[in-house]
Protein backbone atom coordinates (compact mmCIF):
# COMPACT_ATOMS: atom_id res chain seq x y z
CA MET A 1 73.34 128.00 133.14
CA ASN A 2 71.96 124.76 131.23
CA LYS A 3 74.66 122.13 130.66
CA LEU A 4 74.47 119.43 127.91
CA TYR A 5 74.92 115.98 129.16
CA ILE A 6 75.59 112.97 126.83
CA ILE A 7 74.70 109.75 128.05
CA PRO A 8 78.02 107.48 128.36
CA HIS A 9 76.81 105.08 126.08
CA LEU A 10 76.31 107.45 123.23
CA LYS A 11 79.60 109.05 123.23
CA GLY A 12 80.85 106.36 121.08
CA LYS A 13 78.00 106.39 118.69
CA ILE A 14 78.44 110.37 118.34
CA LYS A 15 82.00 110.16 117.88
CA VAL A 16 81.50 107.44 114.83
CA GLU A 17 78.76 109.59 113.66
CA GLU A 18 81.36 112.41 113.45
CA GLU A 19 84.06 110.70 111.90
CA ASN A 20 81.80 109.58 109.16
CA ARG A 21 80.54 112.92 108.51
CA THR A 22 84.28 114.13 108.24
CA MET A 23 85.28 111.07 106.03
CA GLU A 24 82.18 112.16 103.78
CA GLU A 25 83.54 115.42 103.47
CA LYS A 26 86.95 114.22 102.24
CA ILE A 27 85.23 111.76 100.09
CA LYS A 28 83.25 114.71 98.17
CA LYS A 29 86.49 116.91 98.07
CA LEU A 30 88.43 114.13 96.64
CA LYS A 31 85.90 113.22 93.93
CA HIS A 32 85.81 116.99 93.03
CA LEU A 33 89.65 117.02 92.78
CA ILE A 34 89.55 113.79 90.55
CA LYS A 35 86.44 115.11 88.62
CA ASN A 36 88.68 118.24 87.43
CA LEU A 37 91.49 116.43 86.56
CA GLY A 38 89.38 114.64 83.66
CA SER A 39 91.85 111.73 82.78
CA VAL A 40 94.24 109.98 84.88
CA ILE A 41 96.92 107.40 84.90
CA ILE A 42 97.23 105.88 88.19
CA SER A 43 100.44 104.15 89.67
CA TYR A 44 98.76 100.82 90.83
CA SER A 45 100.67 98.81 93.26
CA GLY A 46 97.69 96.49 94.37
CA GLY A 47 98.08 98.13 97.74
CA VAL A 48 95.07 99.37 100.09
CA ASP A 49 95.86 103.23 99.26
CA SER A 50 95.93 102.54 95.33
CA SER A 51 93.06 100.20 95.23
CA PHE A 52 90.93 102.74 96.90
CA LEU A 53 92.13 105.53 94.65
CA LEU A 54 91.41 103.58 91.77
CA ASN A 55 87.94 102.75 92.60
CA ILE A 56 87.04 106.17 93.63
CA ALA A 57 88.48 107.20 90.03
CA VAL A 58 86.58 104.81 88.22
CA GLU A 59 83.28 105.82 90.19
CA THR A 60 84.02 109.60 89.77
CA ILE A 61 85.14 110.16 85.89
CA GLY A 62 84.51 106.47 84.38
CA LYS A 63 86.70 103.52 83.38
CA GLU A 64 87.27 105.07 79.96
CA ASN A 65 89.03 108.01 81.82
CA VAL A 66 91.53 105.94 83.90
CA ILE A 67 94.37 103.73 82.93
CA ALA A 68 96.24 101.88 85.74
CA VAL A 69 99.76 101.10 85.43
CA ILE A 70 101.48 98.06 87.07
CA GLY A 71 105.10 98.09 87.50
CA ILE A 72 106.72 94.46 87.22
CA SER A 73 110.04 93.77 88.57
CA ASP A 74 111.94 91.50 91.15
CA ILE A 75 111.46 94.18 93.75
CA PHE A 76 107.61 93.31 94.04
CA PRO A 77 106.15 90.00 95.39
CA LYS A 78 104.49 87.96 92.56
CA GLU A 79 101.25 87.69 94.69
CA GLU A 80 100.97 91.36 94.65
CA LYS A 81 101.39 91.92 90.94
CA ASP A 82 98.79 88.92 90.57
CA PHE A 83 96.10 90.80 92.89
CA ALA A 84 96.67 94.15 91.18
CA GLU A 85 95.87 92.25 87.54
CA LYS A 86 92.82 90.86 89.34
CA PHE A 87 91.44 94.14 91.11
CA CYS A 88 91.75 95.96 87.80
CA ALA A 89 89.79 93.46 86.07
CA SER A 90 87.15 93.39 88.64
CA CYS A 91 86.82 97.11 88.26
CA GLY A 92 86.83 96.82 84.34
CA VAL A 93 89.46 99.20 84.16
CA ARG A 94 92.20 99.17 81.46
CA TYR A 95 95.59 98.59 82.84
CA ILE A 96 99.21 98.29 81.37
CA LYS A 97 101.97 96.24 82.88
CA ILE A 98 105.43 97.62 82.32
CA LYS A 99 108.91 96.42 83.21
CA THR A 100 111.30 98.50 85.41
CA ASN A 101 114.71 97.64 85.82
CA GLN A 102 115.79 98.72 89.00
CA LEU A 103 118.40 95.90 89.54
CA GLN A 104 120.22 97.54 86.14
CA ASN A 105 120.34 100.80 87.96
CA LYS A 106 123.67 101.20 90.04
CA ASN A 107 122.37 104.03 91.97
CA PHE A 108 119.22 101.76 93.20
CA ILE A 109 121.47 98.51 94.10
CA LYS A 110 124.00 100.40 96.03
CA ASN A 111 121.07 101.17 98.32
CA LEU A 112 121.53 104.64 99.51
CA PRO A 113 119.11 106.41 101.33
CA ASP A 114 117.94 107.97 97.95
CA ARG A 115 117.10 104.49 96.56
CA CYS A 116 113.54 105.08 96.26
CA PHE A 117 114.08 108.09 94.18
CA TRP A 118 115.75 106.26 91.60
CA CYS A 119 113.00 103.65 91.54
CA LYS A 120 110.19 106.12 91.04
CA LYS A 121 112.06 108.19 88.77
CA GLU A 122 112.08 105.27 86.24
CA LEU A 123 108.49 104.38 86.99
CA PHE A 124 107.16 107.96 86.45
CA GLU A 125 109.36 108.45 83.17
CA LYS A 126 107.81 105.49 81.74
CA MET A 127 104.24 106.57 82.91
CA GLU A 128 104.60 110.05 81.29
CA LYS A 129 105.14 108.29 78.20
CA ILE A 130 101.96 106.16 78.57
CA ARG A 131 100.18 109.39 79.44
CA ARG A 132 101.56 111.33 76.39
CA LYS A 133 100.68 108.49 74.03
CA ASN A 134 97.07 108.14 75.36
CA LYS A 135 96.68 111.94 75.60
CA PHE A 136 95.76 111.61 79.07
CA ASN A 137 95.80 114.77 81.63
CA TYR A 138 97.75 113.49 84.83
CA ILE A 139 99.48 110.92 86.55
CA ILE A 140 98.46 110.32 90.19
CA ASP A 141 99.61 107.98 93.07
CA GLY A 142 98.12 106.65 96.34
CA THR A 143 100.25 108.49 98.70
CA ASN A 144 97.99 109.44 101.68
CA LYS A 145 98.12 112.06 104.77
CA ASN A 146 100.25 109.62 106.93
CA ASP A 147 103.09 108.79 104.38
CA GLU A 148 104.14 112.21 105.47
CA ASN A 149 105.52 111.12 108.53
CA ASP A 150 107.92 108.94 107.07
CA TYR A 151 111.22 109.37 105.01
CA ARG A 152 110.03 109.52 101.13
CA PRO A 153 112.66 110.56 98.80
CA GLY A 154 110.65 109.27 95.76
CA GLU A 155 108.76 112.45 96.42
CA LYS A 156 111.58 114.26 94.29
CA ALA A 157 110.69 112.20 91.52
CA LYS A 158 106.90 113.16 91.68
CA LYS A 159 107.79 116.66 91.31
CA ILE A 160 109.94 116.01 88.06
CA PHE A 161 106.97 114.54 86.44
CA ASN A 162 104.16 116.52 88.18
CA VAL A 163 102.86 113.41 89.99
CA LEU A 164 99.94 114.42 92.09
CA SER A 165 98.52 112.57 95.14
CA PRO A 166 94.94 113.37 95.62
CA LEU A 167 94.50 111.25 98.93
CA LYS A 168 97.23 113.70 100.46
CA GLU A 169 95.68 116.65 99.02
CA VAL A 170 92.45 116.23 101.05
CA ASP A 171 94.02 114.87 104.06
CA ILE A 172 92.85 111.43 103.89
CA THR A 173 94.58 109.21 106.39
CA LYS A 174 95.32 105.38 106.06
CA GLU A 175 92.66 104.42 108.82
CA GLU A 176 90.11 106.48 106.88
CA ILE A 177 90.89 104.37 103.51
CA ARG A 178 90.34 101.26 105.48
CA ARG A 179 87.28 102.10 107.03
CA TYR A 180 85.61 103.83 103.80
CA SER A 181 87.08 100.68 101.59
CA LYS A 182 84.99 98.50 103.63
CA LYS A 183 82.12 100.47 103.26
CA ILE A 184 81.97 100.72 99.53
CA GLY A 185 83.00 97.07 98.75
CA PRO A 186 86.65 96.49 97.53
CA PRO A 187 88.09 93.35 98.68
CA ILE A 188 90.95 95.48 100.20
CA TRP A 189 90.05 97.32 103.34
CA ASN A 190 91.74 94.54 105.60
CA LYS A 191 94.79 93.77 103.27
CA PRO A 192 97.79 93.82 104.84
CA GLN A 193 100.44 96.62 104.29
CA MET A 194 102.71 95.91 101.42
CA SER A 195 106.12 97.63 100.21
CA CYS A 196 108.72 96.68 97.85
CA LEU A 197 111.13 94.06 98.94
CA ALA A 198 114.05 96.24 98.68
CA THR A 199 112.78 98.01 101.87
CA ARG A 200 113.90 94.97 103.95
CA ILE A 201 117.55 95.57 103.27
CA PRO A 202 119.85 98.06 105.31
CA TYR A 203 120.93 101.28 103.59
CA GLY A 204 124.36 100.44 102.33
CA GLU A 205 124.03 96.84 101.75
CA LYS A 206 123.93 96.12 98.10
CA ILE A 207 120.64 94.73 96.70
CA THR A 208 120.59 91.68 94.30
CA LYS A 209 118.13 89.45 92.92
CA GLU A 210 119.16 86.21 95.18
CA CYS A 211 118.54 88.61 98.32
CA LEU A 212 115.10 89.56 97.20
CA LYS A 213 114.02 86.20 96.17
CA ARG A 214 114.95 84.64 99.68
CA ILE A 215 113.10 87.47 101.43
CA GLU A 216 110.00 87.02 99.30
CA GLU A 217 110.41 83.27 99.89
CA GLY A 218 110.44 83.58 103.61
CA GLU A 219 107.76 85.99 103.94
CA LYS A 220 105.62 83.87 102.12
CA PHE A 221 106.29 81.02 104.41
CA LEU A 222 105.55 82.98 107.24
CA ILE A 223 102.28 84.28 105.90
CA SER A 224 101.21 80.69 105.14
CA LEU A 225 101.47 80.14 109.05
CA GLY A 226 99.00 82.50 109.65
CA PHE A 227 100.59 85.92 110.10
CA LYS A 228 98.77 88.87 109.03
CA ILE A 229 101.72 90.98 108.33
CA VAL A 230 105.39 89.94 108.03
CA ARG A 231 108.68 91.67 107.35
CA ILE A 232 112.04 89.66 107.17
CA ARG A 233 114.58 92.29 107.42
CA ASP A 234 117.74 90.99 105.75
CA TYR A 235 121.36 91.71 107.30
CA GLU A 236 122.96 88.94 105.20
CA GLU A 237 123.52 86.06 107.91
CA ILE A 238 120.73 87.53 109.99
CA ALA A 239 116.92 87.55 109.48
CA ARG A 240 115.39 90.31 111.80
CA ILE A 241 111.51 89.27 111.71
CA GLU A 242 108.56 91.75 112.08
CA VAL A 243 104.94 90.62 112.85
CA ASP A 244 102.39 92.28 114.71
CA LYS A 245 103.10 92.79 118.52
CA ASN A 246 99.98 90.54 119.08
CA GLU A 247 101.25 87.67 117.05
CA ILE A 248 105.08 87.75 118.55
CA GLU A 249 104.07 85.23 121.19
CA LYS A 250 102.53 82.93 118.39
CA LEU A 251 105.94 83.31 116.32
CA VAL A 252 107.93 82.17 119.27
CA LYS A 253 106.02 79.17 119.65
CA MET A 254 106.43 78.48 116.08
CA LYS A 255 110.20 78.95 116.44
CA GLU A 256 111.51 75.30 115.44
CA LYS A 257 109.61 75.40 112.06
CA VAL A 258 110.42 79.03 111.42
CA VAL A 259 114.26 78.79 112.15
CA LYS A 260 114.18 75.48 109.95
CA LYS A 261 112.73 77.21 106.79
CA LEU A 262 114.77 80.44 106.98
CA LYS A 263 118.06 78.57 107.56
CA THR A 264 117.22 76.63 104.35
CA LEU A 265 117.14 79.91 102.48
CA GLY A 266 120.61 80.82 103.89
CA TYR A 267 120.21 82.96 107.17
CA LYS A 268 122.35 81.72 109.97
CA TYR A 269 120.85 83.59 112.88
CA ILE A 270 116.99 84.11 113.21
CA THR A 271 115.87 86.83 115.64
CA VAL A 272 112.39 88.52 116.45
CA ASP A 273 112.04 92.45 116.72
CA LEU A 274 110.31 92.48 120.15
CA ASP A 275 108.89 96.08 118.92
CA GLY A 276 106.85 94.43 116.45
CA TYR A 277 105.94 95.50 112.56
CA ARG A 278 105.89 99.24 112.00
CA THR A 279 105.81 101.14 108.84
CA GLY A 280 109.54 102.45 107.81
CA SER A 281 111.48 100.69 110.55
CA MET A 282 114.49 100.63 108.25
CA ASN A 283 114.28 104.74 108.22
CA GLU A 284 114.69 104.66 111.98
CA VAL A 285 118.62 104.67 111.33
CA ILE A 286 118.00 108.02 109.49
CA LYS A 287 116.02 109.90 111.79
CA ILE A 288 118.70 109.21 114.52
CA SER A 289 121.48 110.49 112.40
CA ASN A 290 119.60 113.65 111.73
CA ARG A 291 119.24 114.50 115.19
CA GLY A 292 122.95 115.02 114.94
CA GLY A 293 123.63 111.96 117.39
C-alpha cells in the first residue's frame, strides 16, 4: 500500500492552510447569520470581540443597519470608552452612548456572584428601548466560543431581552478573532483583553467608586511601564498583581517603583500572582465551591 508522506517543513504550512480554511468557513456562516438578522444594535465595549463583530456587521449589512451602543459607567476604564468612540468613527457607524448606574444598584454593589447579571440587565434594558425606537431587529453582543468556559451570569440577562451572540453561534474562538482581525485590518487584533473594573474585586466585598478609581489608576500606571496586560485584584489593603507570565520577572525588577506608586493609592501590601494573568481568576473560588469542597 502506498503511504502519503508529508515533508516535515511543510507540516506547519499545511496546518495554517487548514486553519485558514476553517476560519473562512466560519466567517461565511457568520456573515450569512448577520445578513439574515437584517439590522442590529451591537453592545460595543471597544474590546477585541465586539470590535471584530462590529466590523463584520458593517461589512455585511451596511453601516445604515448597524448601531453601536457604548455603556458609560465608573466600572469601565476611560481609555476603553475613548477607544470605542474612535473605532466607531473610523468605521463610519452610528453610535449611542448610554449612562448606566451600576453603583446605584444595591444588588450590584453587594458584589455577589450574580453581580454581572444586574449589570447586563440594566444595559440590555436600555438597549432594548433603543432597538424599539429605531425599529431595528435584534440586539447582539461579542460573546465568543471561549466564553462558554467561564462563569457568566450575564447570560441570563441576555435571554430576557433575546440578545444574540453570533460569534458563539458559529463557534468562533478568541484566537480566531485575533488572527482574522489582523488580516482584515481593524487596529484591534493585538489589543489586550479588557473587562470591567468590578471584576478585580473579590465576591462579597462592596464595590465603591473610590475602589474602582484606584484600581484604574494603578493599572494605568503599570501599563505606562510597558506591561501589555495587567490586572490589580483588590483585597482592600492588599493588591494582587497579575501580568503575563513572561513579564513577571520584569515586574519584580521594577518592584520599588511599583510599590511606591501603589502605596500612594492606599494599598499597604503589594503582591504578585506567580500564576500570571488568566481570564476569570476571581471566579476560581466559585468553581472550587461548586465541586463540594
